[in-house]
Amino acid sequence: MPEARSSLATGLGRVLVIVYAILALAAAGRSVSQIITRFDEAPIAFTLSALAAAVYIVATIALVAKGPVWNRVAWIAIGFELAGVIVIGAISLLAPQLLGLPDTNPFGRYSTVWSDFGAGYLCIPLVLPVLGLLWLRSRRAAGRDGAATSSSEVNA
């Protein structure tokens, strides 16, 4: 049974990496465009958009890389991402002026990756970190199961 669970986690892991990479490219492109062409219109929001892009890039790399350090980086990046999308999403809806947003249109000129809980990206920024953290947790559990199996085989 551990092999089936492992292959399922690997398959989901591959999908997560692909989605993270796509979101990293989309967020980076959008934030660079916003910063170059109209940074003065909403500097806080556009800077946060660039931060989101950086987080997606780090998370993508950490999910692909191996080793305990990268695993920890993945946990931190994805946890930060979840906190960011929740905090920025709430602020963008409740007090958009704090972010320099003149409106709350998730597809509008001033929207960012995390504003409106990622509604402009079909709420993928809200769902993705939850799936990422669950996958990391299952990968940790699978690692423990594998270590327990290996040690019981050695003892046998």
C-alpha atoms as a PDB file:
ATOM      1  CA  MET A   1       0.000   0.000   0.000  1.00  0.00           C
ATOM      2  CA  PRO A   2       2.726   2.590   0.695  1.00  0.00           C
ATOM      3  CA  GLU A   3       3.724   2.462  -2.991  1.00  0.00           C
ATOM      4  CA  ALA A   4       0.221   3.510  -4.125  1.00  0.00           C
ATOM      5  CA  ARG A   5       0.172   6.355  -1.617  1.00  0.00           C
ATOM      6  CA  SER A   6       3.654   7.408  -2.688  1.00  0.00           C
ATOM      7  CA  SER A   7       2.773   7.441  -6.392  1.00  0.00           C
ATOM      8  CA  LEU A   8      -0.401   9.406  -5.666  1.00  0.00           C
ATOM      9  CA  ALA A   9       1.610  11.990  -3.724  1.00  0.00           C
ATOM     10  CA  THR A  10       4.175  12.124  -6.520  1.00  0.00           C
ATOM     11  CA  GLY A  11       1.439  12.660  -9.118  1.00  0.00           C
ATOM     12  CA  LEU A  12      -0.192  15.380  -7.038  1.00  0.00           C
ATOM     13  CA  GLY A  13       3.241  16.833  -6.379  1.00  0.00           C
ATOM     14  CA  ARG A  14       3.889  17.112 -10.096  1.00  0.00           C
ATOM     15  CA  VAL A  15       0.567  18.864 -10.639  1.00  0.00           C
ATOM     16  CA  LEU A  16       1.314  21.251  -7.768  1.00  0.00           C
ATOM     17  CA  VAL A  17       4.728  22.089  -9.210  1.00  0.00           C
ATOM     18  CA  ILE A  18       3.215  22.785 -12.643  1.00  0.00           C
ATOM     19  CA  VAL A  19       0.477  24.999 -11.197  1.00  0.00           C
ATOM     20  CA  TYR A  20       2.992  26.822  -8.987  1.00  0.00           C
ATOM     21  CA  ALA A  21       5.269  27.404 -11.992  1.00  0.00           C
ATOM     22  CA  ILE A  22       2.406  28.755 -14.098  1.00  0.00           C
ATOM     23  CA  LEU A  23       1.256  31.011 -11.261  1.00  0.00           C
ATOM     24  CA  ALA A  24       4.840  32.193 -10.697  1.00  0.00           C
ATOM     25  CA  LEU A  25       5.128  33.182 -14.363  1.00  0.00           C
ATOM     26  CA  ALA A  26       1.711  34.862 -14.388  1.00  0.00           C
ATOM     27  CA  ALA A  27       2.327  36.772 -11.157  1.00  0.00           C
ATOM     28  CA  ALA A  28       5.833  37.812 -12.187  1.00  0.00           C
ATOM     29  CA  GLY A  29       4.650  39.015 -15.577  1.00  0.00           C
ATOM     30  CA  ARG A  30       1.751  40.926 -14.122  1.00  0.00           C
ATOM     31  CA  SER A  31       3.748  42.537 -11.328  1.00  0.00           C
ATOM     32  CA  VAL A  32       6.619  43.546 -13.625  1.00  0.00           C
ATOM     33  CA  SER A  33       4.138  45.085 -16.048  1.00  0.00           C
ATOM     34  CA  GLN A  34       2.306  46.912 -13.250  1.00  0.00           C
ATOM     35  CA  ILE A  35       5.532  48.213 -11.719  1.00  0.00           C
ATOM     36  CA  ILE A  36       7.046  49.357 -15.030  1.00  0.00           C
ATOM     37  CA  THR A  37       3.949  50.987 -16.514  1.00  0.00           C
ATOM     38  CA  ARG A  38       1.992  52.414 -13.557  1.00  0.00           C
ATOM     39  CA  PHE A  39       3.730  51.894 -10.247  1.00  0.00           C
ATOM     40  CA  ASP A  40       2.697  55.365  -9.039  1.00  0.00           C
ATOM     41  CA  GLU A  41      -1.013  54.446  -9.265  1.00  0.00           C
ATOM     42  CA  ALA A  42      -0.918  51.738  -6.542  1.00  0.00           C
ATOM     43  CA  PRO A  43       2.647  51.202  -5.272  1.00  0.00           C
ATOM     44  CA  ILE A  44       1.692  49.121  -2.224  1.00  0.00           C
ATOM     45  CA  ALA A  45      -0.557  46.760  -4.157  1.00  0.00           C
ATOM     46  CA  PHE A  46       1.923  46.344  -7.010  1.00  0.00           C
ATOM     47  CA  THR A  47       4.805  45.726  -4.614  1.00  0.00           C
ATOM     48  CA  LEU A  48       2.717  43.055  -2.879  1.00  0.00           C
ATOM     49  CA  SER A  49       2.040  41.549  -6.304  1.00  0.00           C
ATOM     50  CA  ALA A  50       5.806  41.293  -6.873  1.00  0.00           C
ATOM     51  CA  LEU A  51       6.179  39.724  -3.416  1.00  0.00           C
ATOM     52  CA  ALA A  52       3.544  37.140  -4.346  1.00  0.00           C
ATOM     53  CA  ALA A  53       5.462  36.346  -7.525  1.00  0.00           C
ATOM     54  CA  ALA A  54       8.677  35.876  -5.530  1.00  0.00           C
ATOM     55  CA  VAL A  55       6.889  33.563  -3.097  1.00  0.00           C
ATOM     56  CA  TYR A  56       5.534  31.448  -5.973  1.00  0.00           C
ATOM     57  CA  ILE A  57       9.003  31.204  -7.511  1.00  0.00           C
ATOM     58  CA  VAL A  58      10.563  30.123  -4.198  1.00  0.00           C
ATOM     59  CA  ALA A  59       7.746  27.635  -3.550  1.00  0.00           C
ATOM     60  CA  THR A  60       8.148  26.136  -7.026  1.00  0.00           C
ATOM     61  CA  ILE A  61      11.885  25.680  -6.577  1.00  0.00           C
ATOM     62  CA  ALA A  62      11.461  24.291  -3.051  1.00  0.00           C
ATOM     63  CA  LEU A  63       8.874  21.747  -4.190  1.00  0.00           C
ATOM     64  CA  VAL A  64      11.173  20.514  -6.959  1.00  0.00           C
ATOM     65  CA  ALA A  65      14.378  20.460  -4.892  1.00  0.00           C
ATOM     66  CA  LYS A  66      15.202  17.634  -2.526  1.00  0.00           C
ATOM     67  CA  GLY A  67      16.485  17.577   0.995  1.00  0.00           C
ATOM     68  CA  PRO A  68      15.379  18.713   4.427  1.00  0.00           C
ATOM     69  CA  VAL A  69      16.399  22.343   3.900  1.00  0.00           C
ATOM     70  CA  TRP A  70      14.274  22.676   0.765  1.00  0.00           C
ATOM     71  CA  ASN A  71      11.422  20.893   2.489  1.00  0.00           C
ATOM     72  CA  ARG A  72      11.542  23.506   5.254  1.00  0.00           C
ATOM     73  CA  VAL A  73      11.717  26.299   2.660  1.00  0.00           C
ATOM     74  CA  ALA A  74       8.613  24.836   0.977  1.00  0.00           C
ATOM     75  CA  TRP A  75       6.728  24.795   4.299  1.00  0.00           C
ATOM     76  CA  ILE A  76       7.690  28.404   5.010  1.00  0.00           C
ATOM     77  CA  ALA A  77       6.965  29.698   1.496  1.00  0.00           C
ATOM     78  CA  ILE A  78       3.606  27.958   1.193  1.00  0.00           C
ATOM     79  CA  GLY A  79       2.591  28.934   4.743  1.00  0.00           C
ATOM     80  CA  PHE A  80       3.541  32.543   3.980  1.00  0.00           C
ATOM     81  CA  GLU A  81       1.569  32.334   0.756  1.00  0.00           C
ATOM     82  CA  LEU A  82      -1.555  31.159   2.590  1.00  0.00           C
ATOM     83  CA  ALA A  83      -1.220  33.912   5.193  1.00  0.00           C
ATOM     84  CA  GLY A  84      -0.607  36.476   2.445  1.00  0.00           C
ATOM     85  CA  VAL A  85      -3.619  35.569   0.362  1.00  0.00           C
ATOM     86  CA  ILE A  86      -5.866  35.568   3.439  1.00  0.00           C
ATOM     87  CA  VAL A  87      -4.569  38.865   4.857  1.00  0.00           C
ATOM     88  CA  ILE A  88      -4.293  40.727   1.537  1.00  0.00           C
ATOM     89  CA  GLY A  89      -7.578  39.244   0.350  1.00  0.00           C
ATOM     90  CA  ALA A  90      -9.376  40.461   3.469  1.00  0.00           C
ATOM     91  CA  ILE A  91      -7.790  43.918   3.348  1.00  0.00           C
ATOM     92  CA  SER A  92      -8.590  44.292  -0.352  1.00  0.00           C
ATOM     93  CA  LEU A  93     -12.256  43.616   0.333  1.00  0.00           C
ATOM     94  CA  LEU A  94     -12.671  45.407   3.687  1.00  0.00           C
ATOM     95  CA  ALA A  95     -10.309  48.368   3.311  1.00  0.00           C
ATOM     96  CA  PRO A  96      -8.930  48.534  -0.244  1.00  0.00           C
ATOM     97  CA  GLN A  97      -7.665  52.075   0.314  1.00  0.00           C
ATOM     98  CA  LEU A  98      -4.979  50.658   2.648  1.00  0.00           C
ATOM     99  CA  LEU A  99      -3.473  48.958  -0.389  1.00  0.00           C
ATOM    100  CA  GLY A 100      -4.011  51.959  -2.629  1.00  0.00           C
ATOM    101  CA  LEU A 101      -6.742  50.163  -4.564  1.00  0.00           C
ATOM    102  CA  PRO A 102      -9.452  52.492  -5.903  1.00  0.00           C
ATOM    103  CA  ASP A 103     -11.813  49.582  -6.587  1.00  0.00           C
ATOM    104  CA  THR A 104     -12.261  45.923  -5.681  1.00  0.00           C
ATOM    105  CA  ASN A 105     -12.760  44.514  -9.169  1.00  0.00           C
ATOM    106  CA  PRO A 106     -10.735  41.249  -9.160  1.00  0.00           C
ATOM    107  CA  PHE A 107     -10.224  41.566 -12.928  1.00  0.00           C
ATOM    108  CA  GLY A 108      -9.619  45.303 -12.867  1.00  0.00           C
ATOM    109  CA  ARG A 109      -6.628  47.453 -13.580  1.00  0.00           C
ATOM    110  CA  TYR A 110      -5.498  47.562  -9.950  1.00  0.00           C
ATOM    111  CA  SER A 111      -6.066  43.984  -8.871  1.00  0.00           C
ATOM    112  CA  THR A 112      -3.190  41.826  -7.732  1.00  0.00           C
ATOM    113  CA  VAL A 113      -2.618  38.104  -7.378  1.00  0.00           C
ATOM    114  CA  TRP A 114      -3.776  37.983  -3.765  1.00  0.00           C
ATOM    115  CA  SER A 115      -6.432  40.725  -3.808  1.00  0.00           C
ATOM    116  CA  ASP A 116      -9.984  39.478  -3.416  1.00  0.00           C
ATOM    117  CA  PHE A 117      -8.532  36.116  -2.303  1.00  0.00           C
ATOM    118  CA  GLY A 118      -7.184  35.528  -5.795  1.00  0.00           C
ATOM    119  CA  ALA A 119     -10.581  35.871  -7.488  1.00  0.00           C
ATOM    120  CA  GLY A 120      -8.881  37.255 -10.604  1.00  0.00           C
ATOM    121  CA  TYR A 121      -7.054  33.931 -10.817  1.00  0.00           C
ATOM    122  CA  LEU A 122     -10.177  31.834 -10.183  1.00  0.00           C
ATOM    123  CA  CYS A 123      -9.279  31.621  -6.441  1.00  0.00           C
ATOM    124  CA  ILE A 124      -6.358  29.338  -7.268  1.00  0.00           C
ATOM    125  CA  PRO A 125      -4.109  31.443  -4.982  1.00  0.00           C
ATOM    126  CA  LEU A 126      -6.444  30.604  -2.086  1.00  0.00           C
ATOM    127  CA  VAL A 127      -6.766  26.879  -2.797  1.00  0.00           C
ATOM    128  CA  LEU A 128      -3.207  26.159  -3.934  1.00  0.00           C
ATOM    129  CA  PRO A 129      -1.414  26.716  -0.611  1.00  0.00           C
ATOM    130  CA  VAL A 130      -3.933  24.534   1.209  1.00  0.00           C
ATOM    131  CA  LEU A 131      -3.273  21.724  -1.269  1.00  0.00           C
ATOM    132  CA  GLY A 132       0.450  22.385  -1.057  1.00  0.00           C
ATOM    133  CA  LEU A 133       0.510  22.145   2.739  1.00  0.00           C
ATOM    134  CA  LEU A 134      -1.598  18.977   2.659  1.00  0.00           C
ATOM    135  CA  TRP A 135       0.761  17.456   0.105  1.00  0.00           C
ATOM    136  CA  LEU A 136       3.823  18.378   2.190  1.00  0.00           C
ATOM    137  CA  ARG A 137       2.159  16.822   5.226  1.00  0.00           C
ATOM    138  CA  SER A 138       1.371  13.611   3.332  1.00  0.00           C
ATOM    139  CA  ARG A 139       4.919  13.491   2.005  1.00  0.00           C
ATOM    140  CA  ARG A 140       6.254  13.808   5.559  1.00  0.00           C
ATOM    141  CA  ALA A 141       3.903  11.044   6.720  1.00  0.00           C
ATOM    142  CA  ALA A 142       4.940   8.836   3.792  1.00  0.00           C
ATOM    143  CA  GLY A 143       8.582   9.433   4.724  1.00  0.00           C
ATOM    144  CA  ARG A 144       7.903   8.355   8.294  1.00  0.00           C
ATOM    145  CA  ASP A 145       6.034   5.262   7.094  1.00  0.00           C
ATOM    146  CA  GLY A 146       8.933   4.402   4.793  1.00  0.00           C
ATOM    147  CA  ALA A 147      11.462   4.870   7.597  1.00  0.00           C
ATOM    148  CA  ALA A 148       9.381   2.690   9.925  1.00  0.00           C
ATOM    149  CA  THR A 149       9.124  -0.006   7.241  1.00  0.00           C
ATOM    150  CA  SER A 150      12.875   0.133   6.577  1.00  0.00           C
ATOM    151  CA  SER A 151      13.775  -0.129  10.264  1.00  0.00           C
ATOM    152  CA  SER A 152      11.364  -3.045  10.778  1.00  0.00           C
ATOM    153  CA  GLU A 153      12.927  -4.827   7.785  1.00  0.00           C
ATOM    154  CA  VAL A 154      16.403  -4.307   9.305  1.00  0.00           C
ATOM    155  CA  ASN A 155      15.205  -5.652  12.654  1.00  0.00           C
ATOM    156  CA  ALA A 156      13.644  -8.733  11.054  1.00  0.00           C
END
